[in-house]
Amino acid sequence: MGEVRKLELVEVGEGFRFEADEVLEAAKGNGFTVLAIVGELPDGSSWISGTANAGETMILLERAKHHLIFGED
């Protein structure tokens, strides 16, 4: 059985949010081979878009989740 890890979320300041347009602007020109954008709209619904098929996008999201939890690639 695997090790149990505690997820410790880090706040980055008051409101802990960044401006979405600034984050997207900073991403431009980085030469991504696969890109997924996941967001939440004001009504609470999800907005998801990507440059790959659903399977490749899911792998990318799972790798990102692993990085958030374990802090490594």
C-alpha atoms as a PDB file:
ATOM      1  CA  MET A   1       0.000   0.000   0.000  1.00  0.00           C
ATOM      2  CA  GLY A   2       1.261   3.488  -0.864  1.00  0.00           C
ATOM      3  CA  GLU A   3       2.262   6.237   1.472  1.00  0.00           C
ATOM      4  CA  VAL A   4      -0.422   8.704   2.614  1.00  0.00           C
ATOM      5  CA  ARG A   5       0.526  12.308   1.821  1.00  0.00           C
ATOM      6  CA  LYS A   6      -1.031  15.426   3.318  1.00  0.00           C
ATOM      7  CA  LEU A   7      -1.959  18.082   0.756  1.00  0.00           C
ATOM      8  CA  GLU A   8      -0.863  21.461   2.106  1.00  0.00           C
ATOM      9  CA  LEU A   9      -2.289  24.337   0.102  1.00  0.00           C
ATOM     10  CA  VAL A  10      -0.292  27.549   0.066  1.00  0.00           C
ATOM     11  CA  GLU A  11      -1.995  30.940   0.047  1.00  0.00           C
ATOM     12  CA  VAL A  12      -0.300  33.637  -1.997  1.00  0.00           C
ATOM     13  CA  GLY A  13      -1.867  36.650  -0.351  1.00  0.00           C
ATOM     14  CA  GLU A  14      -5.182  38.349   0.230  1.00  0.00           C
ATOM     15  CA  GLY A  15      -7.796  36.605  -1.874  1.00  0.00           C
ATOM     16  CA  PHE A  16      -5.075  34.218  -3.190  1.00  0.00           C
ATOM     17  CA  ARG A  17      -6.082  34.800  -6.797  1.00  0.00           C
ATOM     18  CA  PHE A  18      -4.202  36.084  -9.827  1.00  0.00           C
ATOM     19  CA  GLU A  19      -5.750  37.929 -12.745  1.00  0.00           C
ATOM     20  CA  ALA A  20      -6.669  35.266 -15.334  1.00  0.00           C
ATOM     21  CA  ASP A  21      -5.712  37.429 -18.338  1.00  0.00           C
ATOM     22  CA  GLU A  22      -2.254  38.059 -16.830  1.00  0.00           C
ATOM     23  CA  VAL A  23      -1.666  34.327 -16.345  1.00  0.00           C
ATOM     24  CA  LEU A  24      -2.724  33.594 -19.927  1.00  0.00           C
ATOM     25  CA  GLU A  25      -0.562  36.426 -21.276  1.00  0.00           C
ATOM     26  CA  ALA A  26       2.481  35.092 -19.377  1.00  0.00           C
ATOM     27  CA  ALA A  27       1.926  31.655 -20.945  1.00  0.00           C
ATOM     28  CA  LYS A  28       2.183  32.957 -24.521  1.00  0.00           C
ATOM     29  CA  GLY A  29       5.326  32.164 -26.473  1.00  0.00           C
ATOM     30  CA  ASN A  30       6.604  29.365 -24.210  1.00  0.00           C
ATOM     31  CA  GLY A  31       6.565  26.705 -26.943  1.00  0.00           C
ATOM     32  CA  PHE A  32       4.203  24.271 -25.240  1.00  0.00           C
ATOM     33  CA  THR A  33       3.854  20.893 -26.942  1.00  0.00           C
ATOM     34  CA  VAL A  34       0.561  20.194 -25.154  1.00  0.00           C
ATOM     35  CA  LEU A  35      -1.550  22.799 -23.407  1.00  0.00           C
ATOM     36  CA  ALA A  36      -4.687  22.486 -21.271  1.00  0.00           C
ATOM     37  CA  ILE A  37      -6.654  25.364 -19.811  1.00  0.00           C
ATOM     38  CA  VAL A  38      -9.067  24.630 -16.992  1.00  0.00           C
ATOM     39  CA  GLY A  39     -11.177  27.342 -15.453  1.00  0.00           C
ATOM     40  CA  GLU A  40     -14.281  28.087 -13.472  1.00  0.00           C
ATOM     41  CA  LEU A  41     -16.792  30.604 -14.798  1.00  0.00           C
ATOM     42  CA  PRO A  42     -18.689  33.040 -12.543  1.00  0.00           C
ATOM     43  CA  ASP A  43     -21.739  30.751 -12.563  1.00  0.00           C
ATOM     44  CA  GLY A  44     -19.627  27.885 -11.165  1.00  0.00           C
ATOM     45  CA  SER A  45     -19.482  25.887 -14.394  1.00  0.00           C
ATOM     46  CA  SER A  46     -16.203  24.522 -15.733  1.00  0.00           C
ATOM     47  CA  TRP A  47     -14.476  25.693 -18.896  1.00  0.00           C
ATOM     48  CA  ILE A  48     -11.889  23.336 -20.389  1.00  0.00           C
ATOM     49  CA  SER A  49      -9.908  23.654 -23.600  1.00  0.00           C
ATOM     50  CA  GLY A  50      -6.723  22.113 -24.889  1.00  0.00           C
ATOM     51  CA  THR A  51      -4.451  21.447 -27.825  1.00  0.00           C
ATOM     52  CA  ALA A  52      -4.567  17.650 -27.648  1.00  0.00           C
ATOM     53  CA  ASN A  53      -7.112  14.858 -27.617  1.00  0.00           C
ATOM     54  CA  ALA A  54      -8.954  13.975 -24.411  1.00  0.00           C
ATOM     55  CA  GLY A  55      -6.534  11.181 -23.446  1.00  0.00           C
ATOM     56  CA  GLU A  56      -3.391  13.298 -23.797  1.00  0.00           C
ATOM     57  CA  THR A  57      -5.053  16.181 -21.974  1.00  0.00           C
ATOM     58  CA  MET A  58      -6.044  13.868 -19.115  1.00  0.00           C
ATOM     59  CA  ILE A  59      -2.446  12.621 -18.794  1.00  0.00           C
ATOM     60  CA  LEU A  60      -1.236  16.237 -18.646  1.00  0.00           C
ATOM     61  CA  LEU A  61      -3.808  17.064 -15.941  1.00  0.00           C
ATOM     62  CA  GLU A  62      -2.831  13.995 -13.903  1.00  0.00           C
ATOM     63  CA  ARG A  63       0.849  14.981 -14.119  1.00  0.00           C
ATOM     64  CA  ALA A  64      -0.080  18.492 -12.956  1.00  0.00           C
ATOM     65  CA  LYS A  65      -2.052  17.020 -10.059  1.00  0.00           C
ATOM     66  CA  HIS A  66       0.950  14.895  -9.086  1.00  0.00           C
ATOM     67  CA  HIS A  67       3.166  17.996  -9.176  1.00  0.00           C
ATOM     68  CA  LEU A  68       0.746  19.937  -6.942  1.00  0.00           C
ATOM     69  CA  ILE A  69       0.600  17.128  -4.385  1.00  0.00           C
ATOM     70  CA  PHE A  70       4.198  15.910  -4.370  1.00  0.00           C
ATOM     71  CA  GLY A  71       6.041  18.998  -5.641  1.00  0.00           C
ATOM     72  CA  GLU A  72       7.955  17.148  -8.330  1.00  0.00           C
ATOM     73  CA  ASP A  73       7.558  16.279 -12.013  1.00  0.00           C
END
